[in-house]
Amino acid sequence: MTSEKVVDFNDVVIVYDDFPAVAGATFCVDAGEIILLQGPNGAGKTTLLRACAGLLQIARGSANVLGCDLQTDRAAVRSRVGLLGHANGLFQDLTVSENMSFWSRLVGANKIDIDQAIDAMGLSGRLSETPVAKLSAGQRRRCALASLIVRRAQLWLLDEPHAGLDAQGRDELDRTLRAARDSGATVIFASHEIERAQSLATRCLLVTSGTVMPV
């Protein structure tokens, strides 16, 4: 019995301003994996994450995510993935709870789902009623991660997710990613914190000069 392919890229090329940011990337990710993307800055890790989220046009090659063909319908995959980049994607004037309520309405989550997500990222109590603009950088990061839990993303795409978190927050993030995997989600993340990231990942891929190879 073969595993379901969540991501299937074959000779994918993505071009920025006539420059191939991804130059012939071929890799697959099976359901339930936690994949670490390693590589230097500028190697193409962020581009690959954004491509998997359906945000970038594929110039050449075949690219399928969650059964959606990114060549013909990139929009189809966007409601099924959760992308957390360097920006947290939060409404700054809303509280933590209000941000979670916004996402819950889009996916049909309930109050129990919201409370569980907030508690999982250590934002319950007074913090849950604090406007995002008044949170610390680490707390805002936790709030963004809680929004992925509420959104029930099938594929989590994370760019340096440990950045801005203290030691406790990093441990909570690791537990959250493992719990997401255990509940059926797949995770792809890029990180320079190699020791921690490798202990979390089920498999590592090296991104270099816009190509992908196993570590």
C-alpha atoms as a PDB file:
ATOM      1  CA  MET A   1       0.000   0.000   0.000  1.00  0.00           C
ATOM      2  CA  THR A   2       1.448   3.360  -1.056  1.00  0.00           C
ATOM      3  CA  SER A   3       1.110   6.596   0.884  1.00  0.00           C
ATOM      4  CA  GLU A   4      -1.000   9.437  -0.461  1.00  0.00           C
ATOM      5  CA  LYS A   5       1.134  12.103  -2.112  1.00  0.00           C
ATOM      6  CA  VAL A   6       0.331  15.511  -0.646  1.00  0.00           C
ATOM      7  CA  VAL A   7       2.972  17.315  -2.737  1.00  0.00           C
ATOM      8  CA  ASP A   8       4.262  16.041  -6.076  1.00  0.00           C
ATOM      9  CA  PHE A   9       6.650  18.361  -7.952  1.00  0.00           C
ATOM     10  CA  ASN A  10       8.399  17.242 -11.125  1.00  0.00           C
ATOM     11  CA  ASP A  11      10.999  19.476 -12.824  1.00  0.00           C
ATOM     12  CA  VAL A  12       9.284  22.614 -11.512  1.00  0.00           C
ATOM     13  CA  VAL A  13      10.635  25.996 -12.602  1.00  0.00           C
ATOM     14  CA  ILE A  14       9.486  29.284 -11.033  1.00  0.00           C
ATOM     15  CA  VAL A  15      10.743  32.554 -12.507  1.00  0.00           C
ATOM     16  CA  TYR A  16      11.145  35.961 -10.813  1.00  0.00           C
ATOM     17  CA  ASP A  17      12.041  38.892 -13.083  1.00  0.00           C
ATOM     18  CA  ASP A  18      13.499  36.542 -15.714  1.00  0.00           C
ATOM     19  CA  PHE A  19      15.534  34.728 -13.022  1.00  0.00           C
ATOM     20  CA  PRO A  20      14.726  31.083 -12.121  1.00  0.00           C
ATOM     21  CA  ALA A  21      14.183  31.213  -8.337  1.00  0.00           C
ATOM     22  CA  VAL A  22      13.368  27.495  -8.556  1.00  0.00           C
ATOM     23  CA  ALA A  23      15.202  25.686 -11.323  1.00  0.00           C
ATOM     24  CA  GLY A  24      13.905  22.188 -11.930  1.00  0.00           C
ATOM     25  CA  ALA A  25      12.762  21.054  -8.471  1.00  0.00           C
ATOM     26  CA  THR A  26      11.583  17.460  -8.181  1.00  0.00           C
ATOM     27  CA  PHE A  27      10.326  16.044  -4.865  1.00  0.00           C
ATOM     28  CA  CYS A  28       7.341  14.341  -3.252  1.00  0.00           C
ATOM     29  CA  VAL A  29       5.849  14.607   0.224  1.00  0.00           C
ATOM     30  CA  ASP A  30       3.584  11.893   1.576  1.00  0.00           C
ATOM     31  CA  ALA A  31       0.662  12.416   3.919  1.00  0.00           C
ATOM     32  CA  GLY A  32       1.678  12.603   7.564  1.00  0.00           C
ATOM     33  CA  GLU A  33       5.285  13.633   6.996  1.00  0.00           C
ATOM     34  CA  ILE A  34       7.050  16.539   8.709  1.00  0.00           C
ATOM     35  CA  ILE A  35       9.541  17.769   6.120  1.00  0.00           C
ATOM     36  CA  LEU A  36      12.430  20.102   6.915  1.00  0.00           C
ATOM     37  CA  LEU A  37      13.716  22.273   4.084  1.00  0.00           C
ATOM     38  CA  GLN A  38      17.379  23.074   4.696  1.00  0.00           C
ATOM     39  CA  GLY A  39      19.611  25.421   2.740  1.00  0.00           C
ATOM     40  CA  PRO A  40      21.222  28.847   2.711  1.00  0.00           C
ATOM     41  CA  ASN A  41      19.355  32.129   2.368  1.00  0.00           C
ATOM     42  CA  GLY A  42      18.287  32.692  -1.209  1.00  0.00           C
ATOM     43  CA  ALA A  43      18.316  28.989  -2.070  1.00  0.00           C
ATOM     44  CA  GLY A  44      14.578  28.911  -2.864  1.00  0.00           C
ATOM     45  CA  LYS A  45      12.995  27.593   0.363  1.00  0.00           C
ATOM     46  CA  THR A  46      10.483  30.423   0.743  1.00  0.00           C
ATOM     47  CA  THR A  47       9.650  30.255  -2.951  1.00  0.00           C
ATOM     48  CA  LEU A  48       8.867  26.548  -2.660  1.00  0.00           C
ATOM     49  CA  LEU A  49       6.625  27.122   0.362  1.00  0.00           C
ATOM     50  CA  ARG A  50       4.719  29.881  -1.432  1.00  0.00           C
ATOM     51  CA  ALA A  51       4.415  27.715  -4.526  1.00  0.00           C
ATOM     52  CA  CYS A  52       2.924  24.878  -2.464  1.00  0.00           C
ATOM     53  CA  ALA A  53       0.364  27.379  -1.143  1.00  0.00           C
ATOM     54  CA  GLY A  54      -0.726  28.175  -4.692  1.00  0.00           C
ATOM     55  CA  LEU A  55       0.619  31.718  -4.579  1.00  0.00           C
ATOM     56  CA  LEU A  56       3.172  31.512  -7.403  1.00  0.00           C
ATOM     57  CA  GLN A  57       2.840  30.629 -11.057  1.00  0.00           C
ATOM     58  CA  ILE A  58       4.646  27.534 -12.294  1.00  0.00           C
ATOM     59  CA  ALA A  59       6.658  28.370 -15.412  1.00  0.00           C
ATOM     60  CA  ARG A  60       7.493  24.778 -16.302  1.00  0.00           C
ATOM     61  CA  GLY A  61       7.040  21.255 -14.983  1.00  0.00           C
ATOM     62  CA  SER A  62       4.171  19.595 -13.126  1.00  0.00           C
ATOM     63  CA  ALA A  63       3.088  20.540  -9.616  1.00  0.00           C
ATOM     64  CA  ASN A  64       0.285  18.943  -7.641  1.00  0.00           C
ATOM     65  CA  VAL A  65      -0.673  19.760  -4.042  1.00  0.00           C
ATOM     66  CA  LEU A  66      -3.477  17.876  -2.277  1.00  0.00           C
ATOM     67  CA  GLY A  67      -4.603  16.624  -5.664  1.00  0.00           C
ATOM     68  CA  CYS A  68      -4.830  20.130  -7.151  1.00  0.00           C
ATOM     69  CA  ASP A  69      -2.933  20.901 -10.359  1.00  0.00           C
ATOM     70  CA  LEU A  70      -1.069  24.150  -9.715  1.00  0.00           C
ATOM     71  CA  GLN A  71      -0.575  24.690 -13.434  1.00  0.00           C
ATOM     72  CA  THR A  72      -4.300  24.991 -14.110  1.00  0.00           C
ATOM     73  CA  ASP A  73      -5.977  25.972 -10.815  1.00  0.00           C
ATOM     74  CA  ARG A  74      -3.756  27.392  -8.086  1.00  0.00           C
ATOM     75  CA  ALA A  75      -6.737  28.897  -6.260  1.00  0.00           C
ATOM     76  CA  ALA A  76      -8.238  25.471  -5.538  1.00  0.00           C
ATOM     77  CA  VAL A  77      -5.572  24.571  -2.982  1.00  0.00           C
ATOM     78  CA  ARG A  78      -5.469  27.813  -1.015  1.00  0.00           C
ATOM     79  CA  SER A  79      -8.340  27.060   1.365  1.00  0.00           C
ATOM     80  CA  ARG A  80      -6.753  23.726   2.298  1.00  0.00           C
ATOM     81  CA  VAL A  81      -3.263  24.895   3.231  1.00  0.00           C
ATOM     82  CA  GLY A  82      -1.964  27.132   6.006  1.00  0.00           C
ATOM     83  CA  LEU A  83       1.046  29.299   5.201  1.00  0.00           C
ATOM     84  CA  LEU A  84       2.951  31.052   7.961  1.00  0.00           C
ATOM     85  CA  GLY A  85       5.740  33.207   6.602  1.00  0.00           C
ATOM     86  CA  HIS A  86       7.823  35.917   8.232  1.00  0.00           C
ATOM     87  CA  ALA A  87       4.656  38.042   8.474  1.00  0.00           C
ATOM     88  CA  ASN A  88       2.103  36.637  10.893  1.00  0.00           C
ATOM     89  CA  GLY A  89      -1.000  37.482   8.856  1.00  0.00           C
ATOM     90  CA  LEU A  90      -2.998  38.726  11.851  1.00  0.00           C
ATOM     91  CA  PHE A  91      -5.447  41.589  12.317  1.00  0.00           C
ATOM     92  CA  GLN A  92      -3.483  43.880  14.613  1.00  0.00           C
ATOM     93  CA  ASP A  93      -6.472  45.750  16.047  1.00  0.00           C
ATOM     94  CA  LEU A  94      -8.357  42.546  16.952  1.00  0.00           C
ATOM     95  CA  THR A  95      -7.762  40.483  20.067  1.00  0.00           C
ATOM     96  CA  VAL A  96      -6.394  36.945  19.976  1.00  0.00           C
ATOM     97  CA  SER A  97      -9.911  35.561  20.429  1.00  0.00           C
ATOM     98  CA  GLU A  98     -11.309  37.811  17.713  1.00  0.00           C
ATOM     99  CA  ASN A  99      -8.624  36.715  15.272  1.00  0.00           C
ATOM    100  CA  MET A 100      -9.474  33.084  16.006  1.00  0.00           C
ATOM    101  CA  SER A 101     -13.206  33.793  15.612  1.00  0.00           C
ATOM    102  CA  PHE A 102     -12.578  35.291  12.179  1.00  0.00           C
ATOM    103  CA  TRP A 103     -10.846  32.144  10.953  1.00  0.00           C
ATOM    104  CA  SER A 104     -13.368  29.871  12.665  1.00  0.00           C
ATOM    105  CA  ARG A 105     -16.230  31.379  10.673  1.00  0.00           C
ATOM    106  CA  LEU A 106     -14.425  30.623   7.404  1.00  0.00           C
ATOM    107  CA  VAL A 107     -13.959  26.930   8.179  1.00  0.00           C
ATOM    108  CA  GLY A 108     -16.926  26.175  10.450  1.00  0.00           C
ATOM    109  CA  ALA A 109     -14.892  25.723  13.637  1.00  0.00           C
ATOM    110  CA  ASN A 110     -16.657  26.171  16.973  1.00  0.00           C
ATOM    111  CA  LYS A 111     -15.894  27.773  20.345  1.00  0.00           C
ATOM    112  CA  ILE A 112     -14.314  24.565  21.646  1.00  0.00           C
ATOM    113  CA  ASP A 113     -11.945  24.504  18.654  1.00  0.00           C
ATOM    114  CA  ILE A 114     -10.984  28.129  19.314  1.00  0.00           C
ATOM    115  CA  ASP A 115     -10.353  27.556  23.018  1.00  0.00           C
ATOM    116  CA  GLN A 116      -8.254  24.464  22.318  1.00  0.00           C
ATOM    117  CA  ALA A 117      -6.121  26.331  19.769  1.00  0.00           C
ATOM    118  CA  ILE A 118      -5.583  29.280  22.093  1.00  0.00           C
ATOM    119  CA  ASP A 119      -4.718  26.999  25.012  1.00  0.00           C
ATOM    120  CA  ALA A 120      -2.354  24.886  22.873  1.00  0.00           C
ATOM    121  CA  MET A 121      -0.240  27.949  22.149  1.00  0.00           C
ATOM    122  CA  GLY A 122      -0.292  29.316  25.706  1.00  0.00           C
ATOM    123  CA  LEU A 123      -2.543  32.306  25.006  1.00  0.00           C
ATOM    124  CA  SER A 124      -5.503  31.600  27.292  1.00  0.00           C
ATOM    125  CA  GLY A 125      -6.777  33.895  30.029  1.00  0.00           C
ATOM    126  CA  ARG A 126      -5.908  37.582  29.861  1.00  0.00           C
ATOM    127  CA  LEU A 127      -3.818  37.190  26.706  1.00  0.00           C
ATOM    128  CA  SER A 128      -6.775  35.877  24.726  1.00  0.00           C
ATOM    129  CA  GLU A 129      -8.518  39.257  25.146  1.00  0.00           C
ATOM    130  CA  THR A 130      -5.437  41.336  24.331  1.00  0.00           C
ATOM    131  CA  PRO A 131      -5.212  43.121  20.952  1.00  0.00           C
ATOM    132  CA  VAL A 132      -2.545  41.552  18.756  1.00  0.00           C
ATOM    133  CA  ALA A 133      -0.801  44.929  18.414  1.00  0.00           C
ATOM    134  CA  LYS A 134      -0.056  44.868  22.161  1.00  0.00           C
ATOM    135  CA  LEU A 135       1.432  41.363  22.194  1.00  0.00           C
ATOM    136  CA  SER A 136       5.148  40.633  22.171  1.00  0.00           C
ATOM    137  CA  ALA A 137       6.734  39.301  18.999  1.00  0.00           C
ATOM    138  CA  GLY A 138       6.727  35.791  20.420  1.00  0.00           C
ATOM    139  CA  GLN A 139       3.081  36.017  21.470  1.00  0.00           C
ATOM    140  CA  ARG A 140       2.087  37.217  18.005  1.00  0.00           C
ATOM    141  CA  ARG A 141       3.891  34.217  16.548  1.00  0.00           C
ATOM    142  CA  ARG A 142       1.946  31.928  18.875  1.00  0.00           C
ATOM    143  CA  CYS A 143      -1.294  33.584  17.811  1.00  0.00           C
ATOM    144  CA  ALA A 144      -0.474  32.995  14.135  1.00  0.00           C
ATOM    145  CA  LEU A 145       0.197  29.336  14.857  1.00  0.00           C
ATOM    146  CA  ALA A 146      -3.085  29.054  16.752  1.00  0.00           C
ATOM    147  CA  SER A 147      -4.866  30.353  13.653  1.00  0.00           C
ATOM    148  CA  LEU A 148      -3.492  27.404  11.659  1.00  0.00           C
ATOM    149  CA  ILE A 149      -4.953  25.021  14.243  1.00  0.00           C
ATOM    150  CA  VAL A 150      -8.364  26.702  14.001  1.00  0.00           C
ATOM    151  CA  ARG A 151      -8.241  26.684  10.197  1.00  0.00           C
ATOM    152  CA  ARG A 152      -7.756  22.893  10.170  1.00  0.00           C
ATOM    153  CA  ALA A 153      -5.160  23.150   7.423  1.00  0.00           C
ATOM    154  CA  GLN A 154      -4.371  19.856   5.710  1.00  0.00           C
ATOM    155  CA  LEU A 155      -0.904  21.092   4.757  1.00  0.00           C
ATOM    156  CA  TRP A 156       1.084  23.358   7.077  1.00  0.00           C
ATOM    157  CA  LEU A 157       3.737  25.484   5.347  1.00  0.00           C
ATOM    158  CA  LEU A 158       6.008  27.274   7.805  1.00  0.00           C
ATOM    159  CA  ASP A 159       8.919  29.620   7.138  1.00  0.00           C
ATOM    160  CA  GLU A 160      11.224  29.834  10.184  1.00  0.00           C
ATOM    161  CA  PRO A 161       8.370  29.032  12.601  1.00  0.00           C
ATOM    162  CA  HIS A 162      10.593  29.055  15.717  1.00  0.00           C
ATOM    163  CA  ALA A 163      11.733  32.639  15.084  1.00  0.00           C
ATOM    164  CA  GLY A 164      10.703  35.033  17.861  1.00  0.00           C
ATOM    165  CA  LEU A 165       9.671  32.269  20.271  1.00  0.00           C
ATOM    166  CA  ASP A 166      11.235  31.690  23.675  1.00  0.00           C
ATOM    167  CA  ALA A 167      12.288  28.195  24.801  1.00  0.00           C
ATOM    168  CA  GLN A 168       8.818  27.358  26.117  1.00  0.00           C
ATOM    169  CA  GLY A 169       7.187  28.616  22.933  1.00  0.00           C
ATOM    170  CA  ARG A 170       9.518  26.528  20.778  1.00  0.00           C
ATOM    171  CA  ASP A 171       8.680  23.417  22.758  1.00  0.00           C
ATOM    172  CA  GLU A 172       4.962  24.198  22.433  1.00  0.00           C
ATOM    173  CA  LEU A 173       5.392  24.667  18.684  1.00  0.00           C
ATOM    174  CA  ASP A 174       7.109  21.299  18.341  1.00  0.00           C
ATOM    175  CA  ARG A 175       4.300  19.616  20.266  1.00  0.00           C
ATOM    176  CA  THR A 176       1.727  21.400  18.109  1.00  0.00           C
ATOM    177  CA  LEU A 177       3.347  20.274  14.868  1.00  0.00           C
ATOM    178  CA  ARG A 178       3.530  16.683  16.052  1.00  0.00           C
ATOM    179  CA  ALA A 179      -0.113  16.860  17.157  1.00  0.00           C
ATOM    180  CA  ALA A 180      -1.087  18.284  13.752  1.00  0.00           C
ATOM    181  CA  ARG A 181       0.694  15.384  12.078  1.00  0.00           C
ATOM    182  CA  ASP A 182      -1.004  12.894  14.395  1.00  0.00           C
ATOM    183  CA  SER A 183      -4.398  14.385  13.502  1.00  0.00           C
ATOM    184  CA  GLY A 184      -3.770  13.870   9.783  1.00  0.00           C
ATOM    185  CA  ALA A 185      -2.017  17.041   8.635  1.00  0.00           C
ATOM    186  CA  THR A 186       1.266  17.206   6.734  1.00  0.00           C
ATOM    187  CA  VAL A 187       3.959  19.754   7.603  1.00  0.00           C
ATOM    188  CA  ILE A 188       6.692  21.342   5.483  1.00  0.00           C
ATOM    189  CA  PHE A 189       8.889  23.902   7.211  1.00  0.00           C
ATOM    190  CA  ALA A 190      12.097  25.805   6.546  1.00  0.00           C
ATOM    191  CA  SER A 191      14.505  26.443   9.394  1.00  0.00           C
ATOM    192  CA  HIS A 192      18.092  27.414  10.128  1.00  0.00           C
ATOM    193  CA  GLU A 193      17.841  25.901  13.632  1.00  0.00           C
ATOM    194  CA  ILE A 194      19.140  22.621  12.322  1.00  0.00           C
ATOM    195  CA  GLU A 195      19.521  20.588  15.521  1.00  0.00           C
ATOM    196  CA  ARG A 196      16.011  21.289  16.796  1.00  0.00           C
ATOM    197  CA  ALA A 197      14.470  21.086  13.344  1.00  0.00           C
ATOM    198  CA  GLN A 198      16.080  17.764  12.483  1.00  0.00           C
ATOM    199  CA  SER A 199      14.813  16.214  15.710  1.00  0.00           C
ATOM    200  CA  LEU A 200      11.292  17.317  14.755  1.00  0.00           C
ATOM    201  CA  ALA A 201      11.352  16.328  11.085  1.00  0.00           C
ATOM    202  CA  THR A 202      10.595  12.875   9.742  1.00  0.00           C
ATOM    203  CA  ARG A 203      12.684  13.677   6.644  1.00  0.00           C
ATOM    204  CA  CYS A 204      14.984  16.467   5.462  1.00  0.00           C
ATOM    205  CA  LEU A 205      15.401  17.979   2.007  1.00  0.00           C
ATOM    206  CA  LEU A 206      18.258  20.229   0.923  1.00  0.00           C
ATOM    207  CA  VAL A 207      17.328  23.228  -1.195  1.00  0.00           C
ATOM    208  CA  THR A 208      20.285  24.680  -3.072  1.00  0.00           C
ATOM    209  CA  SER A 209      20.375  26.922  -6.139  1.00  0.00           C
ATOM    210  CA  GLY A 210      16.686  26.364  -6.701  1.00  0.00           C
ATOM    211  CA  THR A 211      16.872  22.565  -6.758  1.00  0.00           C
ATOM    212  CA  VAL A 212      15.842  19.969  -4.170  1.00  0.00           C
ATOM    213  CA  MET A 213      17.672  16.838  -3.071  1.00  0.00           C
ATOM    214  CA  PRO A 214      17.530  14.491  -0.074  1.00  0.00           C
ATOM    215  CA  VAL A 215      19.874  15.130   2.837  1.00  0.00           C
END
